Amino acid sequence: MSRRIFDVKVAKKGQIVIPKPLRERFRIREDSRVTLVATEEGVVIRPSLQRPWSGLRGLLKGAFTVEELDRLLEEAKRSLLEAK
């Protein structure tokens, strides 16, 4: 996707509509979660990672806690970023 600028209006309750091309590109659907990151330039909206192991509940019963799985995922993401 080439760099495009989308102008959106903020509603009374602070809501905005993410334009369809962006929702499709980043697979943001109804009930998706997004992360808002405050930067010096403004606010970055990015899709949140859903806990990918949630559908595997019971498979590794008692092997890991949610916190341990979160930590493992963060370590994996960090190592992927360092490899770039």
PDB file of N, CA and C in Angstrom:
ATOM      1  N   MET A   1       0.856  -1.177   0.000  1.00  0.00           N
ATOM      2  CA  MET A   1       0.000   0.000   0.000  1.00  0.00           C
ATOM      3  C   MET A   1       0.895   1.231   0.000  1.00  0.00           C
ATOM      4  N   SER A   2       0.660   2.108  -0.934  1.00  0.00           N
ATOM      5  CA  SER A   2       1.429   3.341  -0.955  1.00  0.00           C
ATOM      6  C   SER A   2       1.004   4.216   0.220  1.00  0.00           C
ATOM      7  N   ARG A   3       1.837   5.153   0.554  1.00  0.00           N
ATOM      8  CA  ARG A   3       1.546   6.032   1.697  1.00  0.00           C
ATOM      9  C   ARG A   3       0.366   6.927   1.349  1.00  0.00           C
ATOM     10  N   ARG A   4      -0.740   6.728   2.068  1.00  0.00           N
ATOM     11  CA  ARG A   4      -1.934   7.537   1.853  1.00  0.00           C
ATOM     12  C   ARG A   4      -2.329   8.184   3.158  1.00  0.00           C
ATOM     13  N   ILE A   5      -2.943   9.316   3.047  1.00  0.00           N
ATOM     14  CA  ILE A   5      -3.430  10.022   4.229  1.00  0.00           C
ATOM     15  C   ILE A   5      -4.947   9.971   4.219  1.00  0.00           C
ATOM     16  N   PHE A   6      -5.522   9.555   5.337  1.00  0.00           N
ATOM     17  CA  PHE A   6      -6.969   9.488   5.474  1.00  0.00           C
ATOM     18  C   PHE A   6      -7.384  10.523   6.510  1.00  0.00           C
ATOM     19  N   ASP A   7      -8.362  11.318   6.164  1.00  0.00           N
ATOM     20  CA  ASP A   7      -8.879  12.336   7.078  1.00  0.00           C
ATOM     21  C   ASP A   7     -10.186  11.809   7.651  1.00  0.00           C
ATOM     22  N   VAL A   8     -10.239  11.626   8.973  1.00  0.00           N
ATOM     23  CA  VAL A   8     -11.452  11.118   9.608  1.00  0.00           C
ATOM     24  C   VAL A   8     -11.932  12.091  10.671  1.00  0.00           C
ATOM     25  N   LYS A   9     -13.203  12.041  10.949  1.00  0.00           N
ATOM     26  CA  LYS A   9     -13.816  12.931  11.932  1.00  0.00           C
ATOM     27  C   LYS A   9     -13.935  12.214  13.271  1.00  0.00           C
ATOM     28  N   VAL A  10     -13.664  12.925  14.344  1.00  0.00           N
ATOM     29  CA  VAL A  10     -13.816  12.380  15.686  1.00  0.00           C
ATOM     30  C   VAL A  10     -15.240  12.684  16.155  1.00  0.00           C
ATOM     31  N   ALA A  11     -15.963  11.642  16.559  1.00  0.00           N
ATOM     32  CA  ALA A  11     -17.337  11.792  17.024  1.00  0.00           C
ATOM     33  C   ALA A  11     -17.363  12.346  18.450  1.00  0.00           C
ATOM     34  N   LYS A  12     -18.535  12.676  18.897  1.00  0.00           N
ATOM     35  CA  LYS A  12     -18.738  13.274  20.214  1.00  0.00           C
ATOM     36  C   LYS A  12     -18.103  12.454  21.342  1.00  0.00           C
ATOM     37  N   LYS A  13     -18.181  11.128  21.259  1.00  0.00           N
ATOM     38  CA  LYS A  13     -17.643  10.259  22.296  1.00  0.00           C
ATOM     39  C   LYS A  13     -16.181   9.887  22.043  1.00  0.00           C
ATOM     40  N   GLY A  14     -15.529  10.567  21.118  1.00  0.00           N
ATOM     41  CA  GLY A  14     -14.125  10.289  20.839  1.00  0.00           C
ATOM     42  C   GLY A  14     -13.907   9.144  19.864  1.00  0.00           C
ATOM     43  N   GLN A  15     -14.960   8.682  19.231  1.00  0.00           N
ATOM     44  CA  GLN A  15     -14.856   7.561  18.308  1.00  0.00           C
ATOM     45  C   GLN A  15     -14.442   8.029  16.926  1.00  0.00           C
ATOM     46  N   ILE A  16     -13.689   7.169  16.231  1.00  0.00           N
ATOM     47  CA  ILE A  16     -13.343   7.420  14.830  1.00  0.00           C
ATOM     48  C   ILE A  16     -13.664   6.158  14.036  1.00  0.00           C
ATOM     49  N   VAL A  17     -13.802   6.318  12.734  1.00  0.00           N
ATOM     50  CA  VAL A  17     -14.001   5.181  11.842  1.00  0.00           C
ATOM     51  C   VAL A  17     -12.683   4.951  11.123  1.00  0.00           C
ATOM     52  N   ILE A  18     -12.182   3.725  11.203  1.00  0.00           N
ATOM     53  CA  ILE A  18     -10.961   3.371  10.474  1.00  0.00           C
ATOM     54  C   ILE A  18     -11.390   3.069   9.043  1.00  0.00           C
ATOM     55  N   PRO A  19     -10.841   3.785   8.063  1.00  0.00           N
ATOM     56  CA  PRO A  19     -11.263   3.586   6.676  1.00  0.00           C
ATOM     57  C   PRO A  19     -11.110   2.133   6.219  1.00  0.00           C
ATOM     58  N   LYS A  20     -12.042   1.715   5.365  1.00  0.00           N
ATOM     59  CA  LYS A  20     -12.100   0.326   4.910  1.00  0.00           C
ATOM     60  C   LYS A  20     -10.776  -0.181   4.336  1.00  0.00           C
ATOM     61  N   PRO A  21     -10.065   0.588   3.489  1.00  0.00           N
ATOM     62  CA  PRO A  21      -8.796   0.057   2.969  1.00  0.00           C
ATOM     63  C   PRO A  21      -7.796  -0.290   4.083  1.00  0.00           C
ATOM     64  N   LEU A  22      -7.797   0.493   5.152  1.00  0.00           N
ATOM     65  CA  LEU A  22      -6.897   0.209   6.271  1.00  0.00           C
ATOM     66  C   LEU A  22      -7.366  -1.000   7.071  1.00  0.00           C
ATOM     67  N   ARG A  23      -8.687  -1.111   7.285  1.00  0.00           N
ATOM     68  CA  ARG A  23      -9.216  -2.280   8.002  1.00  0.00           C
ATOM     69  C   ARG A  23      -8.898  -3.563   7.249  1.00  0.00           C
ATOM     70  N   GLU A  24      -9.059  -3.515   5.925  1.00  0.00           N
ATOM     71  CA  GLU A  24      -8.762  -4.709   5.124  1.00  0.00           C
ATOM     72  C   GLU A  24      -7.280  -5.030   5.140  1.00  0.00           C
ATOM     73  N   ARG A  25      -6.450  -4.027   4.969  1.00  0.00           N
ATOM     74  CA  ARG A  25      -4.995  -4.225   4.909  1.00  0.00           C
ATOM     75  C   ARG A  25      -4.448  -4.824   6.204  1.00  0.00           C
ATOM     76  N   PHE A  26      -4.971  -4.352   7.347  1.00  0.00           N
ATOM     77  CA  PHE A  26      -4.457  -4.790   8.642  1.00  0.00           C
ATOM     78  C   PHE A  26      -5.376  -5.785   9.339  1.00  0.00           C
ATOM     79  N   ARG A  27      -6.353  -6.311   8.592  1.00  0.00           N
ATOM     80  CA  ARG A  27      -7.273  -7.346   9.085  1.00  0.00           C
ATOM     81  C   ARG A  27      -7.943  -6.949  10.401  1.00  0.00           C
ATOM     82  N   ILE A  28      -8.439  -5.727  10.447  1.00  0.00           N
ATOM     83  CA  ILE A  28      -9.169  -5.249  11.622  1.00  0.00           C
ATOM     84  C   ILE A  28     -10.654  -5.438  11.324  1.00  0.00           C
ATOM     85  N   ARG A  29     -11.288  -6.280  12.106  1.00  0.00           N
ATOM     86  CA  ARG A  29     -12.698  -6.600  11.907  1.00  0.00           C
ATOM     87  C   ARG A  29     -13.503  -6.180  13.135  1.00  0.00           C
ATOM     88  N   GLU A  30     -14.797  -6.305  13.021  1.00  0.00           N
ATOM     89  CA  GLU A  30     -15.663  -6.008  14.159  1.00  0.00           C
ATOM     90  C   GLU A  30     -15.208  -6.836  15.362  1.00  0.00           C
ATOM     91  N   ASP A  31     -15.150  -6.217  16.510  1.00  0.00           N
ATOM     92  CA  ASP A  31     -14.717  -6.824  17.771  1.00  0.00           C
ATOM     93  C   ASP A  31     -13.215  -7.071  17.836  1.00  0.00           C
ATOM     94  N   SER A  32     -12.457  -6.650  16.800  1.00  0.00           N
ATOM     95  CA  SER A  32     -10.993  -6.729  16.888  1.00  0.00           C
ATOM     96  C   SER A  32     -10.526  -5.758  17.957  1.00  0.00           C
ATOM     97  N   ARG A  33      -9.366  -6.029  18.507  1.00  0.00           N
ATOM     98  CA  ARG A  33      -8.751  -5.116  19.469  1.00  0.00           C
ATOM     99  C   ARG A  33      -7.614  -4.409  18.765  1.00  0.00           C
ATOM    100  N   VAL A  34      -7.414  -3.148  19.090  1.00  0.00           N
ATOM    101  CA  VAL A  34      -6.286  -2.392  18.563  1.00  0.00           C
ATOM    102  C   VAL A  34      -5.516  -1.786  19.718  1.00  0.00           C
ATOM    103  N   THR A  35      -4.246  -1.485  19.469  1.00  0.00           N
ATOM    104  CA  THR A  35      -3.403  -0.847  20.465  1.00  0.00           C
ATOM    105  C   THR A  35      -3.149   0.581  20.013  1.00  0.00           C
ATOM    106  N   LEU A  36      -3.306   1.535  20.919  1.00  0.00           N
ATOM    107  CA  LEU A  36      -2.997   2.930  20.638  1.00  0.00           C
ATOM    108  C   LEU A  36      -1.663   3.251  21.285  1.00  0.00           C
ATOM    109  N   VAL A  37      -0.743   3.791  20.488  1.00  0.00           N
ATOM    110  CA  VAL A  37       0.584   4.116  20.984  1.00  0.00           C
ATOM    111  C   VAL A  37       0.797   5.616  20.835  1.00  0.00           C
ATOM    112  N   ALA A  38       1.088   6.282  21.942  1.00  0.00           N
ATOM    113  CA  ALA A  38       1.363   7.727  21.913  1.00  0.00           C
ATOM    114  C   ALA A  38       2.814   7.936  21.516  1.00  0.00           C
ATOM    115  N   THR A  39       3.042   8.755  20.478  1.00  0.00           N
ATOM    116  CA  THR A  39       4.392   9.090  20.034  1.00  0.00           C
ATOM    117  C   THR A  39       4.536  10.604  20.023  1.00  0.00           C
ATOM    118  N   GLU A  40       5.737  11.064  19.746  1.00  0.00           N
ATOM    119  CA  GLU A  40       5.951  12.513  19.653  1.00  0.00           C
ATOM    120  C   GLU A  40       5.120  13.122  18.519  1.00  0.00           C
ATOM    121  N   GLU A  41       4.925  12.356  17.422  1.00  0.00           N
ATOM    122  CA  GLU A  41       4.195  12.862  16.257  1.00  0.00           C
ATOM    123  C   GLU A  41       2.684  12.762  16.399  1.00  0.00           C
ATOM    124  N   GLY A  42       2.211  11.880  17.275  1.00  0.00           N
ATOM    125  CA  GLY A  42       0.781  11.691  17.416  1.00  0.00           C
ATOM    126  C   GLY A  42       0.459  10.306  17.928  1.00  0.00           C
ATOM    127  N   VAL A  43      -0.667   9.769  17.493  1.00  0.00           N
ATOM    128  CA  VAL A  43      -1.132   8.470  17.964  1.00  0.00           C
ATOM    129  C   VAL A  43      -1.015   7.453  16.833  1.00  0.00           C
ATOM    130  N   VAL A  44      -0.439   6.305  17.146  1.00  0.00           N
ATOM    131  CA  VAL A  44      -0.344   5.203  16.193  1.00  0.00           C
ATOM    132  C   VAL A  44      -1.379   4.160  16.610  1.00  0.00           C
ATOM    133  N   ILE A  45      -2.164   3.708  15.652  1.00  0.00           N
ATOM    134  CA  ILE A  45      -3.152   2.652  15.904  1.00  0.00           C
ATOM    135  C   ILE A  45      -2.637   1.402  15.213  1.00  0.00           C
ATOM    136  N   ARG A  46      -2.503   0.321  15.983  1.00  0.00           N
ATOM    137  CA  ARG A  46      -2.069  -0.924  15.347  1.00  0.00           C
ATOM    138  C   ARG A  46      -2.870  -2.087  15.896  1.00  0.00           C
ATOM    139  N   PRO A  47      -3.049  -3.110  15.063  1.00  0.00           N
ATOM    140  CA  PRO A  47      -3.818  -4.266  15.526  1.00  0.00           C
ATOM    141  C   PRO A  47      -3.141  -4.898  16.727  1.00  0.00           C
ATOM    142  N   SER A  48      -3.945  -5.307  17.711  1.00  0.00           N
ATOM    143  CA  SER A  48      -3.407  -6.028  18.867  1.00  0.00           C
ATOM    144  C   SER A  48      -3.306  -7.494  18.500  1.00  0.00           C
ATOM    145  N   LEU A  49      -2.293  -8.131  19.033  1.00  0.00           N
ATOM    146  CA  LEU A  49      -2.208  -9.576  18.855  1.00  0.00           C
ATOM    147  C   LEU A  49      -3.218 -10.216  19.788  1.00  0.00           C
ATOM    148  N   GLN A  50      -4.085 -11.007  19.216  1.00  0.00           N
ATOM    149  CA  GLN A  50      -4.976 -11.787  20.062  1.00  0.00           C
ATOM    150  C   GLN A  50      -4.129 -12.922  20.602  1.00  0.00           C
ATOM    151  N   ARG A  51      -4.420 -13.370  21.743  1.00  0.00           N
ATOM    152  CA  ARG A  51      -3.637 -14.465  22.300  1.00  0.00           C
ATOM    153  C   ARG A  51      -3.804 -15.688  21.394  1.00  0.00           C
ATOM    154  N   PRO A  52      -2.788 -15.984  20.592  1.00  0.00           N
ATOM    155  CA  PRO A  52      -2.933 -17.025  19.579  1.00  0.00           C
ATOM    156  C   PRO A  52      -3.148 -18.411  20.156  1.00  0.00           C
ATOM    157  N   TRP A  53      -2.831 -18.589  21.421  1.00  0.00           N
ATOM    158  CA  TRP A  53      -2.976 -19.907  22.022  1.00  0.00           C
ATOM    159  C   TRP A  53      -4.353 -20.113  22.651  1.00  0.00           C
ATOM    160  N   SER A  54      -5.222 -19.100  22.592  1.00  0.00           N
ATOM    161  CA  SER A  54      -6.510 -19.211  23.275  1.00  0.00           C
ATOM    162  C   SER A  54      -7.338 -20.383  22.732  1.00  0.00           C
ATOM    163  N   GLY A  55      -7.204 -20.704  21.462  1.00  0.00           N
ATOM    164  CA  GLY A  55      -7.933 -21.825  20.898  1.00  0.00           C
ATOM    165  C   GLY A  55      -7.336 -23.171  21.266  1.00  0.00           C
ATOM    166  N   LEU A  56      -6.174 -23.164  21.891  1.00  0.00           N
ATOM    167  CA  LEU A  56      -5.500 -24.402  22.256  1.00  0.00           C
ATOM    168  C   LEU A  56      -5.695 -24.760  23.726  1.00  0.00           C
ATOM    169  N   ARG A  57      -6.631 -24.075  24.358  1.00  0.00           N
ATOM    170  CA  ARG A  57      -6.869 -24.292  25.787  1.00  0.00           C
ATOM    171  C   ARG A  57      -7.029 -25.778  26.095  1.00  0.00           C
ATOM    172  N   GLY A  58      -6.316 -26.237  27.088  1.00  0.00           N
ATOM    173  CA  GLY A  58      -6.400 -27.619  27.526  1.00  0.00           C
ATOM    174  C   GLY A  58      -5.338 -28.520  26.925  1.00  0.00           C
ATOM    175  N   LEU A  59      -4.760 -28.117  25.795  1.00  0.00           N
ATOM    176  CA  LEU A  59      -3.772 -28.955  25.130  1.00  0.00           C
ATOM    177  C   LEU A  59      -2.527 -29.144  25.988  1.00  0.00           C
ATOM    178  N   LEU A  60      -2.056 -28.076  26.606  1.00  0.00           N
ATOM    179  CA  LEU A  60      -0.866 -28.134  27.457  1.00  0.00           C
ATOM    180  C   LEU A  60      -1.260 -27.894  28.912  1.00  0.00           C
ATOM    181  N   LYS A  61      -2.347 -28.477  29.310  1.00  0.00           N
ATOM    182  CA  LYS A  61      -2.927 -28.226  30.629  1.00  0.00           C
ATOM    183  C   LYS A  61      -1.869 -28.269  31.727  1.00  0.00           C
ATOM    184  N   GLY A  62      -1.738 -27.142  32.415  1.00  0.00           N
ATOM    185  CA  GLY A  62      -0.813 -27.055  33.532  1.00  0.00           C
ATOM    186  C   GLY A  62       0.640 -26.848  33.145  1.00  0.00           C
ATOM    187  N   ALA A  63       0.956 -26.879  31.856  1.00  0.00           N
ATOM    188  CA  ALA A  63       2.355 -26.752  31.429  1.00  0.00           C
ATOM    189  C   ALA A  63       2.846 -25.306  31.538  1.00  0.00           C
ATOM    190  N   PHE A  64       1.997 -24.328  31.171  1.00  0.00           N
ATOM    191  CA  PHE A  64       2.380 -22.926  31.197  1.00  0.00           C
ATOM    192  C   PHE A  64       1.250 -22.093  31.770  1.00  0.00           C
ATOM    193  N   THR A  65       1.618 -20.995  32.424  1.00  0.00           N
ATOM    194  CA  THR A  65       0.605 -20.024  32.843  1.00  0.00           C
ATOM    195  C   THR A  65       0.432 -19.027  31.703  1.00  0.00           C
ATOM    196  N   VAL A  66      -0.644 -18.251  31.755  1.00  0.00           N
ATOM    197  CA  VAL A  66      -0.870 -17.216  30.744  1.00  0.00           C
ATOM    198  C   VAL A  66       0.294 -16.235  30.738  1.00  0.00           C
ATOM    199  N   GLU A  67       0.778 -15.881  31.915  1.00  0.00           N
ATOM    200  CA  GLU A  67       1.888 -14.933  32.016  1.00  0.00           C
ATOM    201  C   GLU A  67       3.154 -15.493  31.350  1.00  0.00           C
ATOM    202  N   GLU A  68       3.402 -16.787  31.553  1.00  0.00           N
ATOM    203  CA  GLU A  68       4.573 -17.412  30.930  1.00  0.00           C
ATOM    204  C   GLU A  68       4.443 -17.419  29.409  1.00  0.00           C
ATOM    205  N   LEU A  69       3.237 -17.708  28.919  1.00  0.00           N
ATOM    206  CA  LEU A  69       3.016 -17.692  27.477  1.00  0.00           C
ATOM    207  C   LEU A  69       3.168 -16.280  26.917  1.00  0.00           C
ATOM    208  N   ASP A  70       2.657 -15.276  27.634  1.00  0.00           N
ATOM    209  CA  ASP A  70       2.838 -13.884  27.216  1.00  0.00           C
ATOM    210  C   ASP A  70       4.324 -13.543  27.128  1.00  0.00           C
ATOM    211  N   ARG A  71       5.088 -13.947  28.139  1.00  0.00           N
ATOM    212  CA  ARG A  71       6.524 -13.671  28.152  1.00  0.00           C
ATOM    213  C   ARG A  71       7.229 -14.377  26.991  1.00  0.00           C
ATOM    214  N   LEU A  72       6.865 -15.626  26.721  1.00  0.00           N
ATOM    215  CA  LEU A  72       7.456 -16.358  25.599  1.00  0.00           C
ATOM    216  C   LEU A  72       7.155 -15.677  24.264  1.00  0.00           C
ATOM    217  N   LEU A  73       5.919 -15.201  24.112  1.00  0.00           N
ATOM    218  CA  LEU A  73       5.544 -14.511  22.884  1.00  0.00           C
ATOM    219  C   LEU A  73       6.337 -13.219  22.724  1.00  0.00           C
ATOM    220  N   GLU A  74       6.474 -12.453  23.804  1.00  0.00           N
ATOM    221  CA  GLU A  74       7.257 -11.213  23.751  1.00  0.00           C
ATOM    222  C   GLU A  74       8.712 -11.496  23.388  1.00  0.00           C
ATOM    223  N   GLU A  75       9.291 -12.540  23.963  1.00  0.00           N
ATOM    224  CA  GLU A  75      10.666 -12.912  23.644  1.00  0.00           C
ATOM    225  C   GLU A  75      10.802 -13.299  22.173  1.00  0.00           C
ATOM    226  N   ALA A  76       9.828 -14.033  21.660  1.00  0.00           N
ATOM    227  CA  ALA A  76       9.853 -14.433  20.255  1.00  0.00           C
ATOM    228  C   ALA A  76       9.757 -13.212  19.342  1.00  0.00           C
ATOM    229  N   LYS A  77       8.857 -12.266  19.668  1.00  0.00           N
ATOM    230  CA  LYS A  77       8.729 -11.048  18.863  1.00  0.00           C
ATOM    231  C   LYS A  77      10.030 -10.257  18.886  1.00  0.00           C
ATOM    232  N   ARG A  78      10.638 -10.145  20.086  1.00  0.00           N
ATOM    233  CA  ARG A  78      11.887  -9.403  20.217  1.00  0.00           C
ATOM    234  C   ARG A  78      12.989 -10.033  19.373  1.00  0.00           C
ATOM    235  N   SER A  79      13.087 -11.346  19.400  1.00  0.00           N
ATOM    236  CA  SER A  79      14.138 -12.022  18.635  1.00  0.00           C
ATOM    237  C   SER A  79      13.903 -11.862  17.133  1.00  0.00           C
ATOM    238  N   LEU A  80      12.648 -11.827  16.704  1.00  0.00           N
ATOM    239  CA  LEU A  80      12.364 -11.598  15.287  1.00  0.00           C
ATOM    240  C   LEU A  80      12.763 -10.191  14.875  1.00  0.00           C
ATOM    241  N   LEU A  81      12.500  -9.213  15.722  1.00  0.00           N
ATOM    242  CA  LEU A  81      12.881  -7.831  15.416  1.00  0.00           C
ATOM    243  C   LEU A  81      14.402  -7.667  15.380  1.00  0.00           C
ATOM    244  N   GLU A  82      15.108  -8.341  16.276  1.00  0.00           N
ATOM    245  CA  GLU A  82      16.562  -8.258  16.300  1.00  0.00           C
ATOM    246  C   GLU A  82      17.172  -8.916  15.076  1.00  0.00           C
ATOM    247  N   ALA A  83      16.505  -9.910  14.519  1.00  0.00           N
ATOM    248  CA  ALA A  83      17.037 -10.635  13.360  1.00  0.00           C
ATOM    249  C   ALA A  83      16.944  -9.810  12.082  1.00  0.00           C
ATOM    250  N   LYS A  84      16.102  -8.788  12.074  1.00  0.00           N
ATOM    251  CA  LYS A  84      15.921  -7.959  10.863  1.00  0.00           C
ATOM    252  C   LYS A  84      17.099  -7.079  10.609  1.00  0.00           C
TER     253      LYS A  84
END
